[in-house]
Amino acid sequence: MHKAKFKYILIAIVLLLLILYIHHTILIHKCSDITYASEYYTTTGIFNKNKLYKIDSYYLKFSDGHESTLVITGIKKSPPHRVVSYELTLIKNKSGTWKMKSIKEIPYQDTDFNTQ
């Protein structure tokens, strides 16, 4: 009886590790797209203090193929849910995926010219 429990626990652990590995591999593959990587780094993470609820707009400010700077505007996840802008710097590593180098909040400017 004790060996059967151990066997099931071992199988469960192996399956869990396999699922985590597959998830990580898929995430790495998706982060080769700069738009997905910028959305991932600004809308996910438990300890992300710059977390956005959703991205309203983003534009590429600078790119040389290995380092890119994007300006991202969205609704902040934490209350008060105000509109903020961030300057996000990403670096492309050897495997072709984008990693976040830095993020800083910049003054938000409303680009909607129809409001007065």
PDB file of N, CA and C in Angstrom:
ATOM      1  N   MET A   1       0.822  -1.193   0.000  1.00  0.00           N
ATOM      2  CA  MET A   1       0.000   0.000   0.000  1.00  0.00           C
ATOM      3  C   MET A   1       0.867   1.259   0.000  1.00  0.00           C
ATOM      4  N   HIS A   2       1.933   1.265   0.770  1.00  0.00           N
ATOM      5  CA  HIS A   2       2.821   2.413   0.856  1.00  0.00           C
ATOM      6  C   HIS A   2       3.543   2.644  -0.475  1.00  0.00           C
ATOM      7  N   LYS A   3       3.948   1.587  -1.151  1.00  0.00           N
ATOM      8  CA  LYS A   3       4.636   1.708  -2.438  1.00  0.00           C
ATOM      9  C   LYS A   3       3.695   2.261  -3.509  1.00  0.00           C
ATOM     10  N   ALA A   4       2.424   1.935  -3.454  1.00  0.00           N
ATOM     11  CA  ALA A   4       1.458   2.416  -4.436  1.00  0.00           C
ATOM     12  C   ALA A   4       1.275   3.934  -4.300  1.00  0.00           C
ATOM     13  N   LYS A   5       1.203   4.434  -3.065  1.00  0.00           N
ATOM     14  CA  LYS A   5       1.083   5.878  -2.845  1.00  0.00           C
ATOM     15  C   LYS A   5       2.315   6.612  -3.374  1.00  0.00           C
ATOM     16  N   PHE A   6       3.474   6.049  -3.073  1.00  0.00           N
ATOM     17  CA  PHE A   6       4.724   6.651  -3.533  1.00  0.00           C
ATOM     18  C   PHE A   6       4.763   6.709  -5.060  1.00  0.00           C
ATOM     19  N   LYS A   7       4.300   5.651  -5.698  1.00  0.00           N
ATOM     20  CA  LYS A   7       4.290   5.576  -7.155  1.00  0.00           C
ATOM     21  C   LYS A   7       3.372   6.655  -7.745  1.00  0.00           C
ATOM     22  N   TYR A   8       2.179   6.841  -7.179  1.00  0.00           N
ATOM     23  CA  TYR A   8       1.250   7.854  -7.670  1.00  0.00           C
ATOM     24  C   TYR A   8       1.775   9.265  -7.425  1.00  0.00           C
ATOM     25  N   ILE A   9       2.406   9.489  -6.295  1.00  0.00           N
ATOM     26  CA  ILE A   9       2.982  10.801  -5.997  1.00  0.00           C
ATOM     27  C   ILE A   9       4.122  11.107  -6.964  1.00  0.00           C
ATOM     28  N   LEU A  10       4.952  10.124  -7.238  1.00  0.00           N
ATOM     29  CA  LEU A  10       6.058  10.295  -8.174  1.00  0.00           C
ATOM     30  C   LEU A  10       5.541  10.608  -9.583  1.00  0.00           C
ATOM     31  N   ILE A  11       4.512   9.898 -10.023  1.00  0.00           N
ATOM     32  CA  ILE A  11       3.919  10.161 -11.340  1.00  0.00           C
ATOM     33  C   ILE A  11       3.321  11.558 -11.392  1.00  0.00           C
ATOM     34  N   ALA A  12       2.654  11.989 -10.317  1.00  0.00           N
ATOM     35  CA  ALA A  12       2.067  13.324 -10.266  1.00  0.00           C
ATOM     36  C   ALA A  12       3.144  14.403 -10.349  1.00  0.00           C
ATOM     37  N   ILE A  13       4.253  14.196  -9.651  1.00  0.00           N
ATOM     38  CA  ILE A  13       5.350  15.170  -9.679  1.00  0.00           C
ATOM     39  C   ILE A  13       5.971  15.247 -11.064  1.00  0.00           C
ATOM     40  N   VAL A  14       6.177  14.106 -11.698  1.00  0.00           N
ATOM     41  CA  VAL A  14       6.747  14.084 -13.045  1.00  0.00           C
ATOM     42  C   VAL A  14       5.810  14.781 -14.035  1.00  0.00           C
ATOM     43  N   LEU A  15       4.515  14.529 -13.931  1.00  0.00           N
ATOM     44  CA  LEU A  15       3.553  15.185 -14.814  1.00  0.00           C
ATOM     45  C   LEU A  15       3.528  16.697 -14.588  1.00  0.00           C
ATOM     46  N   LEU A  16       3.575  17.122 -13.344  1.00  0.00           N
ATOM     47  CA  LEU A  16       3.602  18.548 -13.025  1.00  0.00           C
ATOM     48  C   LEU A  16       4.845  19.215 -13.614  1.00  0.00           C
ATOM     49  N   LEU A  17       5.998  18.593 -13.453  1.00  0.00           N
ATOM     50  CA  LEU A  17       7.228  19.142 -14.016  1.00  0.00           C
ATOM     51  C   LEU A  17       7.172  19.197 -15.540  1.00  0.00           C
ATOM     52  N   LEU A  18       6.578  18.191 -16.166  1.00  0.00           N
ATOM     53  CA  LEU A  18       6.436  18.169 -17.613  1.00  0.00           C
ATOM     54  C   LEU A  18       5.522  19.295 -18.093  1.00  0.00           C
ATOM     55  N   ILE A  19       4.426  19.515 -17.400  1.00  0.00           N
ATOM     56  CA  ILE A  19       3.500  20.594 -17.755  1.00  0.00           C
ATOM     57  C   ILE A  19       4.173  21.954 -17.591  1.00  0.00           C
ATOM     58  N   LEU A  20       4.924  22.150 -16.508  1.00  0.00           N
ATOM     59  CA  LEU A  20       5.629  23.414 -16.303  1.00  0.00           C
ATOM     60  C   LEU A  20       6.689  23.644 -17.377  1.00  0.00           C
ATOM     61  N   TYR A  21       7.387  22.598 -17.781  1.00  0.00           N
ATOM     62  CA  TYR A  21       8.397  22.707 -18.837  1.00  0.00           C
ATOM     63  C   TYR A  21       7.755  23.093 -20.166  1.00  0.00           C
ATOM     64  N   ILE A  22       6.635  22.463 -20.504  1.00  0.00           N
ATOM     65  CA  ILE A  22       5.931  22.772 -21.758  1.00  0.00           C
ATOM     66  C   ILE A  22       5.428  24.214 -21.734  1.00  0.00           C
ATOM     67  N   HIS A  23       4.865  24.641 -20.612  1.00  0.00           N
ATOM     68  CA  HIS A  23       4.383  26.022 -20.479  1.00  0.00           C
ATOM     69  C   HIS A  23       5.526  27.014 -20.666  1.00  0.00           C
ATOM     70  N   HIS A  24       6.665  26.747 -20.050  1.00  0.00           N
ATOM     71  CA  HIS A  24       7.830  27.624 -20.151  1.00  0.00           C
ATOM     72  C   HIS A  24       8.342  27.685 -21.591  1.00  0.00           C
ATOM     73  N   THR A  25       8.375  26.548 -22.271  1.00  0.00           N
ATOM     74  CA  THR A  25       8.839  26.495 -23.656  1.00  0.00           C
ATOM     75  C   THR A  25       7.922  27.295 -24.578  1.00  0.00           C
ATOM     76  N   ILE A  26       6.624  27.174 -24.381  1.00  0.00           N
ATOM     77  CA  ILE A  26       5.661  27.937 -25.185  1.00  0.00           C
ATOM     78  C   ILE A  26       5.820  29.431 -24.920  1.00  0.00           C
ATOM     79  N   LEU A  27       6.004  29.814 -23.669  1.00  0.00           N
ATOM     80  CA  LEU A  27       6.179  31.218 -23.309  1.00  0.00           C
ATOM     81  C   LEU A  27       7.434  31.791 -23.957  1.00  0.00           C
ATOM     82  N   ILE A  28       8.525  31.051 -23.947  1.00  0.00           N
ATOM     83  CA  ILE A  28       9.765  31.508 -24.575  1.00  0.00           C
ATOM     84  C   ILE A  28       9.551  31.707 -26.074  1.00  0.00           C
ATOM     85  N   HIS A  29       8.854  30.774 -26.702  1.00  0.00           N
ATOM     86  CA  HIS A  29       8.593  30.883 -28.142  1.00  0.00           C
ATOM     87  C   HIS A  29       7.736  32.120 -28.444  1.00  0.00           C
ATOM     88  N   LYS A  30       6.720  32.386 -27.634  1.00  0.00           N
ATOM     89  CA  LYS A  30       5.849  33.541 -27.861  1.00  0.00           C
ATOM     90  C   LYS A  30       6.578  34.859 -27.633  1.00  0.00           C
ATOM     91  N   CYS A  31       7.557  34.885 -26.730  1.00  0.00           N
ATOM     92  CA  CYS A  31       8.284  36.122 -26.427  1.00  0.00           C
ATOM     93  C   CYS A  31       9.274  36.507 -27.526  1.00  0.00           C
ATOM     94  N   SER A  32       9.326  35.754 -28.607  1.00  0.00           N
ATOM     95  CA  SER A  32      10.145  36.176 -29.747  1.00  0.00           C
ATOM     96  C   SER A  32       9.437  37.279 -30.527  1.00  0.00           C
ATOM     97  N   ASP A  33       8.147  37.475 -30.279  1.00  0.00           N
ATOM     98  CA  ASP A  33       7.372  38.576 -30.853  1.00  0.00           C
ATOM     99  C   ASP A  33       7.400  39.744 -29.867  1.00  0.00           C
ATOM    100  N   ILE A  34       7.849  40.900 -30.316  1.00  0.00           N
ATOM    101  CA  ILE A  34       8.042  42.035 -29.408  1.00  0.00           C
ATOM    102  C   ILE A  34       6.721  42.545 -28.833  1.00  0.00           C
ATOM    103  N   THR A  35       5.632  42.467 -29.588  1.00  0.00           N
ATOM    104  CA  THR A  35       4.351  42.938 -29.058  1.00  0.00           C
ATOM    105  C   THR A  35       3.849  42.009 -27.957  1.00  0.00           C
ATOM    106  N   TYR A  36       4.008  40.697 -28.138  1.00  0.00           N
ATOM    107  CA  TYR A  36       3.607  39.759 -27.092  1.00  0.00           C
ATOM    108  C   TYR A  36       4.485  39.941 -25.852  1.00  0.00           C
ATOM    109  N   ALA A  37       5.788  40.101 -26.051  1.00  0.00           N
ATOM    110  CA  ALA A  37       6.707  40.263 -24.917  1.00  0.00           C
ATOM    111  C   ALA A  37       6.377  41.529 -24.126  1.00  0.00           C
ATOM    112  N   SER A  38       6.093  42.623 -24.816  1.00  0.00           N
ATOM    113  CA  SER A  38       5.771  43.865 -24.102  1.00  0.00           C
ATOM    114  C   SER A  38       4.461  43.723 -23.334  1.00  0.00           C
ATOM    115  N   GLU A  39       3.481  43.050 -23.919  1.00  0.00           N
ATOM    116  CA  GLU A  39       2.217  42.825 -23.214  1.00  0.00           C
ATOM    117  C   GLU A  39       2.420  41.890 -22.017  1.00  0.00           C
ATOM    118  N   TYR A  40       3.212  40.848 -22.197  1.00  0.00           N
ATOM    119  CA  TYR A  40       3.472  39.886 -21.120  1.00  0.00           C
ATOM    120  C   TYR A  40       4.158  40.564 -19.930  1.00  0.00           C
ATOM    121  N   TYR A  41       5.184  41.372 -20.192  1.00  0.00           N
ATOM    122  CA  TYR A  41       5.937  41.990 -19.102  1.00  0.00           C
ATOM    123  C   TYR A  41       5.179  43.107 -18.396  1.00  0.00           C
ATOM    124  N   THR A  42       4.136  43.654 -19.027  1.00  0.00           N
ATOM    125  CA  THR A  42       3.401  44.747 -18.380  1.00  0.00           C
ATOM    126  C   THR A  42       2.049  44.323 -17.815  1.00  0.00           C
ATOM    127  N   THR A  43       1.555  43.131 -18.150  1.00  0.00           N
ATOM    128  CA  THR A  43       0.227  42.728 -17.654  1.00  0.00           C
ATOM    129  C   THR A  43       0.260  41.488 -16.768  1.00  0.00           C
ATOM    130  N   THR A  44       1.404  40.873 -16.566  1.00  0.00           N
ATOM    131  CA  THR A  44       1.478  39.672 -15.737  1.00  0.00           C
ATOM    132  C   THR A  44       2.501  39.843 -14.625  1.00  0.00           C
ATOM    133  N   GLY A  45       2.490  38.911 -13.711  1.00  0.00           N
ATOM    134  CA  GLY A  45       3.464  38.899 -12.626  1.00  0.00           C
ATOM    135  C   GLY A  45       2.839  39.211 -11.285  1.00  0.00           C
ATOM    136  N   ILE A  46       3.155  38.406 -10.306  1.00  0.00           N
ATOM    137  CA  ILE A  46       2.615  38.593  -8.959  1.00  0.00           C
ATOM    138  C   ILE A  46       3.224  39.820  -8.287  1.00  0.00           C
ATOM    139  N   PHE A  47       4.525  40.015  -8.462  1.00  0.00           N
ATOM    140  CA  PHE A  47       5.228  41.103  -7.788  1.00  0.00           C
ATOM    141  C   PHE A  47       5.489  42.290  -8.717  1.00  0.00           C
ATOM    142  N   ASN A  48       4.770  42.382  -9.824  1.00  0.00           N
ATOM    143  CA  ASN A  48       4.943  43.455 -10.787  1.00  0.00           C
ATOM    144  C   ASN A  48       4.231  44.709 -10.273  1.00  0.00           C
ATOM    145  N   LYS A  49       4.990  45.708  -9.829  1.00  0.00           N
ATOM    146  CA  LYS A  49       4.382  46.931  -9.289  1.00  0.00           C
ATOM    147  C   LYS A  49       3.925  47.877 -10.395  1.00  0.00           C
ATOM    148  N   ASN A  50       4.348  47.636 -11.633  1.00  0.00           N
ATOM    149  CA  ASN A  50       3.931  48.448 -12.774  1.00  0.00           C
ATOM    150  C   ASN A  50       2.888  47.726 -13.620  1.00  0.00           C
ATOM    151  N   LYS A  51       2.125  46.844 -13.021  1.00  0.00           N
ATOM    152  CA  LYS A  51       1.189  45.992 -13.741  1.00  0.00           C
ATOM    153  C   LYS A  51       0.015  46.792 -14.304  1.00  0.00           C
ATOM    154  N   LEU A  52      -0.290  46.509 -15.563  1.00  0.00           N
ATOM    155  CA  LEU A  52      -1.419  47.142 -16.228  1.00  0.00           C
ATOM    156  C   LEU A  52      -2.571  46.163 -16.332  1.00  0.00           C
ATOM    157  N   TYR A  53      -3.798  46.706 -16.263  1.00  0.00           N
ATOM    158  CA  TYR A  53      -4.989  45.887 -16.465  1.00  0.00           C
ATOM    159  C   TYR A  53      -5.114  45.515 -17.933  1.00  0.00           C
ATOM    160  N   LYS A  54      -4.916  46.501 -18.791  1.00  0.00           N
ATOM    161  CA  LYS A  54      -4.887  46.255 -20.230  1.00  0.00           C
ATOM    162  C   LYS A  54      -4.093  47.363 -20.895  1.00  0.00           C
ATOM    163  N   ILE A  55      -3.577  47.055 -22.068  1.00  0.00           N
ATOM    164  CA  ILE A  55      -2.816  48.023 -22.846  1.00  0.00           C
ATOM    165  C   ILE A  55      -3.755  48.700 -23.828  1.00  0.00           C
ATOM    166  N   ASP A  56      -3.779  50.029 -23.800  1.00  0.00           N
ATOM    167  CA  ASP A  56      -4.593  50.788 -24.749  1.00  0.00           C
ATOM    168  C   ASP A  56      -3.830  51.058 -26.043  1.00  0.00           C
ATOM    169  N   SER A  57      -2.559  51.409 -25.906  1.00  0.00           N
ATOM    170  CA  SER A  57      -1.756  51.682 -27.101  1.00  0.00           C
ATOM    171  C   SER A  57      -0.282  51.489 -26.783  1.00  0.00           C
ATOM    172  N   TYR A  58       0.463  51.249 -27.820  1.00  0.00           N
ATOM    173  CA  TYR A  58       1.907  51.201 -27.688  1.00  0.00           C
ATOM    174  C   TYR A  58       2.519  51.562 -29.031  1.00  0.00           C
ATOM    175  N   TYR A  59       3.696  52.159 -28.969  1.00  0.00           N
ATOM    176  CA  TYR A  59       4.414  52.439 -30.204  1.00  0.00           C
ATOM    177  C   TYR A  59       5.903  52.264 -29.968  1.00  0.00           C
ATOM    178  N   LEU A  60       6.576  51.915 -31.036  1.00  0.00           N
ATOM    179  CA  LEU A  60       8.009  51.675 -31.004  1.00  0.00           C
ATOM    180  C   LEU A  60       8.733  53.007 -31.107  1.00  0.00           C
ATOM    181  N   LYS A  61       9.480  53.340 -30.082  1.00  0.00           N
ATOM    182  CA  LYS A  61      10.193  54.616 -30.044  1.00  0.00           C
ATOM    183  C   LYS A  61      11.586  54.479 -30.663  1.00  0.00           C
ATOM    184  N   PHE A  62      12.244  53.333 -30.413  1.00  0.00           N
ATOM    185  CA  PHE A  62      13.592  53.098 -30.911  1.00  0.00           C
ATOM    186  C   PHE A  62      13.819  51.605 -31.044  1.00  0.00           C
ATOM    187  N   SER A  63      14.551  51.205 -32.083  1.00  0.00           N
ATOM    188  CA  SER A  63      14.948  49.810 -32.222  1.00  0.00           C
ATOM    189  C   SER A  63      16.167  49.718 -33.122  1.00  0.00           C
ATOM    190  N   ASP A  64      17.135  48.927 -32.676  1.00  0.00           N
ATOM    191  CA  ASP A  64      18.295  48.656 -33.521  1.00  0.00           C
ATOM    192  C   ASP A  64      18.432  47.160 -33.807  1.00  0.00           C
ATOM    193  N   GLY A  65      17.388  46.396 -33.522  1.00  0.00           N
ATOM    194  CA  GLY A  65      17.408  44.962 -33.768  1.00  0.00           C
ATOM    195  C   GLY A  65      17.766  44.143 -32.543  1.00  0.00           C
ATOM    196  N   HIS A  66      18.549  44.725 -31.631  1.00  0.00           N
ATOM    197  CA  HIS A  66      18.936  44.016 -30.404  1.00  0.00           C
ATOM    198  C   HIS A  66      18.351  44.662 -29.151  1.00  0.00           C
ATOM    199  N   GLU A  67      18.079  45.944 -29.237  1.00  0.00           N
ATOM    200  CA  GLU A  67      17.475  46.668 -28.118  1.00  0.00           C
ATOM    201  C   GLU A  67      16.360  47.540 -28.666  1.00  0.00           C
ATOM    202  N   SER A  68      15.223  47.526 -27.990  1.00  0.00           N
ATOM    203  CA  SER A  68      14.076  48.303 -28.434  1.00  0.00           C
ATOM    204  C   SER A  68      13.465  49.034 -27.256  1.00  0.00           C
ATOM    205  N   THR A  69      12.939  50.217 -27.540  1.00  0.00           N
ATOM    206  CA  THR A  69      12.238  51.010 -26.542  1.00  0.00           C
ATOM    207  C   THR A  69      10.824  51.250 -27.040  1.00  0.00           C
ATOM    208  N   LEU A  70       9.853  50.885 -26.215  1.00  0.00           N
ATOM    209  CA  LEU A  70       8.446  51.070 -26.546  1.00  0.00           C
ATOM    210  C   LEU A  70       7.808  51.988 -25.520  1.00  0.00           C
ATOM    211  N   VAL A  71       6.839  52.779 -25.971  1.00  0.00           N
ATOM    212  CA  VAL A  71       6.022  53.577 -25.065  1.00  0.00           C
ATOM    213  C   VAL A  71       4.659  52.914 -25.016  1.00  0.00           C
ATOM    214  N   ILE A  72       4.258  52.516 -23.812  1.00  0.00           N
ATOM    215  CA  ILE A  72       3.027  51.760 -23.619  1.00  0.00           C
ATOM    216  C   ILE A  72       2.088  52.571 -22.734  1.00  0.00           C
ATOM    217  N   THR A  73       0.831  52.669 -23.151  1.00  0.00           N
ATOM    218  CA  THR A  73      -0.189  53.372 -22.384  1.00  0.00           C
ATOM    219  C   THR A  73      -1.304  52.403 -22.058  1.00  0.00           C
ATOM    220  N   GLY A  74      -1.741  52.415 -20.797  1.00  0.00           N
ATOM    221  CA  GLY A  74      -2.809  51.517 -20.386  1.00  0.00           C
ATOM    222  C   GLY A  74      -3.386  51.894 -19.044  1.00  0.00           C
ATOM    223  N   ILE A  75      -4.341  51.086 -18.612  1.00  0.00           N
ATOM    224  CA  ILE A  75      -5.008  51.299 -17.332  1.00  0.00           C
ATOM    225  C   ILE A  75      -4.263  50.516 -16.261  1.00  0.00           C
ATOM    226  N   LYS A  76      -3.877  51.213 -15.202  1.00  0.00           N
ATOM    227  CA  LYS A  76      -3.138  50.586 -14.105  1.00  0.00           C
ATOM    228  C   LYS A  76      -4.018  49.576 -13.381  1.00  0.00           C
ATOM    229  N   LYS A  77      -3.422  48.436 -13.005  1.00  0.00           N
ATOM    230  CA  LYS A  77      -4.163  47.354 -12.354  1.00  0.00           C
ATOM    231  C   LYS A  77      -4.578  47.715 -10.934  1.00  0.00           C
ATOM    232  N   SER A  78      -3.693  48.396 -10.211  1.00  0.00           N
ATOM    233  CA  SER A  78      -3.984  48.714  -8.811  1.00  0.00           C
ATOM    234  C   SER A  78      -4.803  50.000  -8.704  1.00  0.00           C
ATOM    235  N   PRO A  79      -5.666  50.070  -7.688  1.00  0.00           N
ATOM    236  CA  PRO A  79      -6.487  51.277  -7.506  1.00  0.00           C
ATOM    237  C   PRO A  79      -5.618  52.469  -7.136  1.00  0.00           C
ATOM    238  N   PRO A  80      -5.913  53.658  -7.519  1.00  0.00           N
ATOM    239  CA  PRO A  80      -6.973  54.032  -8.458  1.00  0.00           C
ATOM    240  C   PRO A  80      -6.566  53.628  -9.871  1.00  0.00           C
ATOM    241  N   HIS A  81      -7.502  53.140 -10.618  1.00  0.00           N
ATOM    242  CA  HIS A  81      -7.228  52.621 -11.951  1.00  0.00           C
ATOM    243  C   HIS A  81      -7.092  53.779 -12.943  1.00  0.00           C
ATOM    244  N   ARG A  82      -5.967  54.426 -12.886  1.00  0.00           N
ATOM    245  CA  ARG A  82      -5.742  55.586 -13.741  1.00  0.00           C
ATOM    246  C   ARG A  82      -4.971  55.168 -14.993  1.00  0.00           C
ATOM    247  N   VAL A  83      -5.005  56.025 -15.981  1.00  0.00           N
ATOM    248  CA  VAL A  83      -4.278  55.778 -17.229  1.00  0.00           C
ATOM    249  C   VAL A  83      -2.836  56.224 -17.032  1.00  0.00           C
ATOM    250  N   VAL A  84      -1.897  55.337 -17.340  1.00  0.00           N
ATOM    251  CA  VAL A  84      -0.473  55.624 -17.172  1.00  0.00           C
ATOM    252  C   VAL A  84       0.267  55.263 -18.452  1.00  0.00           C
ATOM    253  N   SER A  85       1.457  55.824 -18.588  1.00  0.00           N
ATOM    254  CA  SER A  85       2.346  55.502 -19.705  1.00  0.00           C
ATOM    255  C   SER A  85       3.674  55.031 -19.142  1.00  0.00           C
ATOM    256  N   TYR A  86       4.229  54.021 -19.781  1.00  0.00           N
ATOM    257  CA  TYR A  86       5.533  53.486 -19.403  1.00  0.00           C
ATOM    258  C   TYR A  86       6.452  53.463 -20.604  1.00  0.00           C
ATOM    259  N   GLU A  87       7.730  53.673 -20.334  1.00  0.00           N
ATOM    260  CA  GLU A  87       8.754  53.478 -21.352  1.00  0.00           C
ATOM    261  C   GLU A  87       9.426  52.143 -21.022  1.00  0.00           C
ATOM    262  N   LEU A  88       9.248  51.185 -21.890  1.00  0.00           N
ATOM    263  CA  LEU A  88       9.720  49.820 -21.681  1.00  0.00           C
ATOM    264  C   LEU A  88      10.896  49.556 -22.606  1.00  0.00           C
ATOM    265  N   THR A  89      12.012  49.127 -22.035  1.00  0.00           N
ATOM    266  CA  THR A  89      13.187  48.785 -22.824  1.00  0.00           C
ATOM    267  C   THR A  89      13.360  47.275 -22.803  1.00  0.00           C
ATOM    268  N   LEU A  90      13.418  46.680 -23.994  1.00  0.00           N
ATOM    269  CA  LEU A  90      13.574  45.237 -24.151  1.00  0.00           C
ATOM    270  C   LEU A  90      14.869  44.944 -24.880  1.00  0.00           C
ATOM    271  N   ILE A  91      15.500  43.821 -24.517  1.00  0.00           N
ATOM    272  CA  ILE A  91      16.734  43.374 -25.159  1.00  0.00           C
ATOM    273  C   ILE A  91      16.498  41.984 -25.732  1.00  0.00           C
ATOM    274  N   LYS A  92      16.951  41.772 -26.969  1.00  0.00           N
ATOM    275  CA  LYS A  92      16.821  40.464 -27.607  1.00  0.00           C
ATOM    276  C   LYS A  92      18.055  39.636 -27.249  1.00  0.00           C
ATOM    277  N   ASN A  93      17.827  38.431 -26.689  1.00  0.00           N
ATOM    278  CA  ASN A  93      18.951  37.589 -26.304  1.00  0.00           C
ATOM    279  C   ASN A  93      19.371  36.683 -27.462  1.00  0.00           C
ATOM    280  N   LYS A  94      20.338  35.803 -27.223  1.00  0.00           N
ATOM    281  CA  LYS A  94      20.895  34.934 -28.273  1.00  0.00           C
ATOM    282  C   LYS A  94      19.856  34.014 -28.898  1.00  0.00           C
ATOM    283  N   SER A  95      18.859  33.602 -28.115  1.00  0.00           N
ATOM    284  CA  SER A  95      17.841  32.687 -28.639  1.00  0.00           C
ATOM    285  C   SER A  95      16.735  33.407 -29.396  1.00  0.00           C
ATOM    286  N   GLY A  96      16.792  34.742 -29.473  1.00  0.00           N
ATOM    287  CA  GLY A  96      15.821  35.507 -30.241  1.00  0.00           C
ATOM    288  C   GLY A  96      14.587  35.924 -29.469  1.00  0.00           C
ATOM    289  N   THR A  97      14.597  35.764 -28.154  1.00  0.00           N
ATOM    290  CA  THR A  97      13.453  36.191 -27.350  1.00  0.00           C
ATOM    291  C   THR A  97      13.765  37.536 -26.696  1.00  0.00           C
ATOM    292  N   TRP A  98      12.696  38.287 -26.431  1.00  0.00           N
ATOM    293  CA  TRP A  98      12.837  39.607 -25.831  1.00  0.00           C
ATOM    294  C   TRP A  98      12.738  39.514 -24.317  1.00  0.00           C
ATOM    295  N   LYS A  99      13.688  40.121 -23.622  1.00  0.00           N
ATOM    296  CA  LYS A  99      13.706  40.192 -22.160  1.00  0.00           C
ATOM    297  C   LYS A  99      13.642  41.655 -21.745  1.00  0.00           C
ATOM    298  N   MET A 100      12.955  41.916 -20.647  1.00  0.00           N
ATOM    299  CA  MET A 100      12.814  43.286 -20.176  1.00  0.00           C
ATOM    300  C   MET A 100      14.107  43.752 -19.512  1.00  0.00           C
ATOM    301  N   LYS A 101      14.606  44.895 -19.963  1.00  0.00           N
ATOM    302  CA  LYS A 101      15.792  45.503 -19.361  1.00  0.00           C
ATOM    303  C   LYS A 101      15.365  46.506 -18.294  1.00  0.00           C
ATOM    304  N   SER A 102      14.409  47.382 -18.656  1.00  0.00           N
ATOM    305  CA  SER A 102      13.949  48.375 -17.689  1.00  0.00           C
ATOM    306  C   SER A 102      12.558  48.851 -18.062  1.00  0.00           C
ATOM    307  N   ILE A 103      11.895  49.415 -17.055  1.00  0.00           N
ATOM    308  CA  ILE A 103      10.582  50.020 -17.249  1.00  0.00           C
ATOM    309  C   ILE A 103      10.518  51.243 -16.345  1.00  0.00           C
ATOM    310  N   LYS A 104      10.016  52.345 -16.901  1.00  0.00           N
ATOM    311  CA  LYS A 104       9.859  53.543 -16.070  1.00  0.00           C
ATOM    312  C   LYS A 104       8.588  54.263 -16.488  1.00  0.00           C
ATOM    313  N   GLU A 105       7.939  54.845 -15.494  1.00  0.00           N
ATOM    314  CA  GLU A 105       6.716  55.589 -15.755  1.00  0.00           C
ATOM    315  C   GLU A 105       7.080  56.954 -16.319  1.00  0.00           C
ATOM    316  N   ILE A 106       6.352  57.360 -17.353  1.00  0.00           N
ATOM    317  CA  ILE A 106       6.563  58.664 -17.966  1.00  0.00           C
ATOM    318  C   ILE A 106       5.250  59.437 -17.885  1.00  0.00           C
ATOM    319  N   PRO A 107       5.293  60.760 -18.001  1.00  0.00           N
ATOM    320  CA  PRO A 107       4.046  61.544 -17.931  1.00  0.00           C
ATOM    321  C   PRO A 107       3.084  61.142 -19.047  1.00  0.00           C
ATOM    322  N   TYR A 108       1.833  60.945 -18.670  1.00  0.00           N
ATOM    323  CA  TYR A 108       0.811  60.561 -19.642  1.00  0.00           C
ATOM    324  C   TYR A 108       0.327  61.789 -20.377  1.00  0.00           C
ATOM    325  N   GLN A 109       0.260  61.676 -21.705  1.00  0.00           N
ATOM    326  CA  GLN A 109      -0.287  62.749 -22.524  1.00  0.00           C
ATOM    327  C   GLN A 109      -1.432  62.178 -23.333  1.00  0.00           C
ATOM    328  N   ASP A 110      -2.602  62.781 -23.202  1.00  0.00           N
ATOM    329  CA  ASP A 110      -3.779  62.336 -23.941  1.00  0.00           C
ATOM    330  C   ASP A 110      -3.594  62.703 -25.407  1.00  0.00           C
ATOM    331  N   THR A 111      -3.704  61.709 -26.289  1.00  0.00           N
ATOM    332  CA  THR A 111      -3.517  61.950 -27.715  1.00  0.00           C
ATOM    333  C   THR A 111      -4.826  62.062 -28.468  1.00  0.00           C
ATOM    334  N   ASP A 112      -5.952  62.087 -27.741  1.00  0.00           N
ATOM    335  CA  ASP A 112      -7.248  62.225 -28.366  1.00  0.00           C
ATOM    336  C   ASP A 112      -7.550  63.703 -28.558  1.00  0.00           C
ATOM    337  N   PHE A 113      -7.482  64.178 -29.809  1.00  0.00           N
ATOM    338  CA  PHE A 113      -7.653  65.591 -30.095  1.00  0.00           C
ATOM    339  C   PHE A 113      -9.102  66.017 -30.194  1.00  0.00           C
ATOM    340  N   ASN A 114     -10.041  65.080 -30.106  1.00  0.00           N
ATOM    341  CA  ASN A 114     -11.460  65.409 -30.203  1.00  0.00           C
ATOM    342  C   ASN A 114     -12.054  65.902 -28.883  1.00  0.00           C
ATOM    343  N   THR A 115     -11.351  65.692 -27.777  1.00  0.00           N
ATOM    344  CA  THR A 115     -11.854  66.155 -26.487  1.00  0.00           C
ATOM    345  C   THR A 115     -11.300  67.531 -26.187  1.00  0.00           C
ATOM    346  N   GLN A 116     -12.057  68.313 -25.457  1.00  0.00           N
ATOM    347  CA  GLN A 116     -11.591  69.653 -25.103  1.00  0.00           C
ATOM    348  C   GLN A 116     -11.637  69.874 -23.626  1.00  0.00           C
TER     349      GLN A 116
END
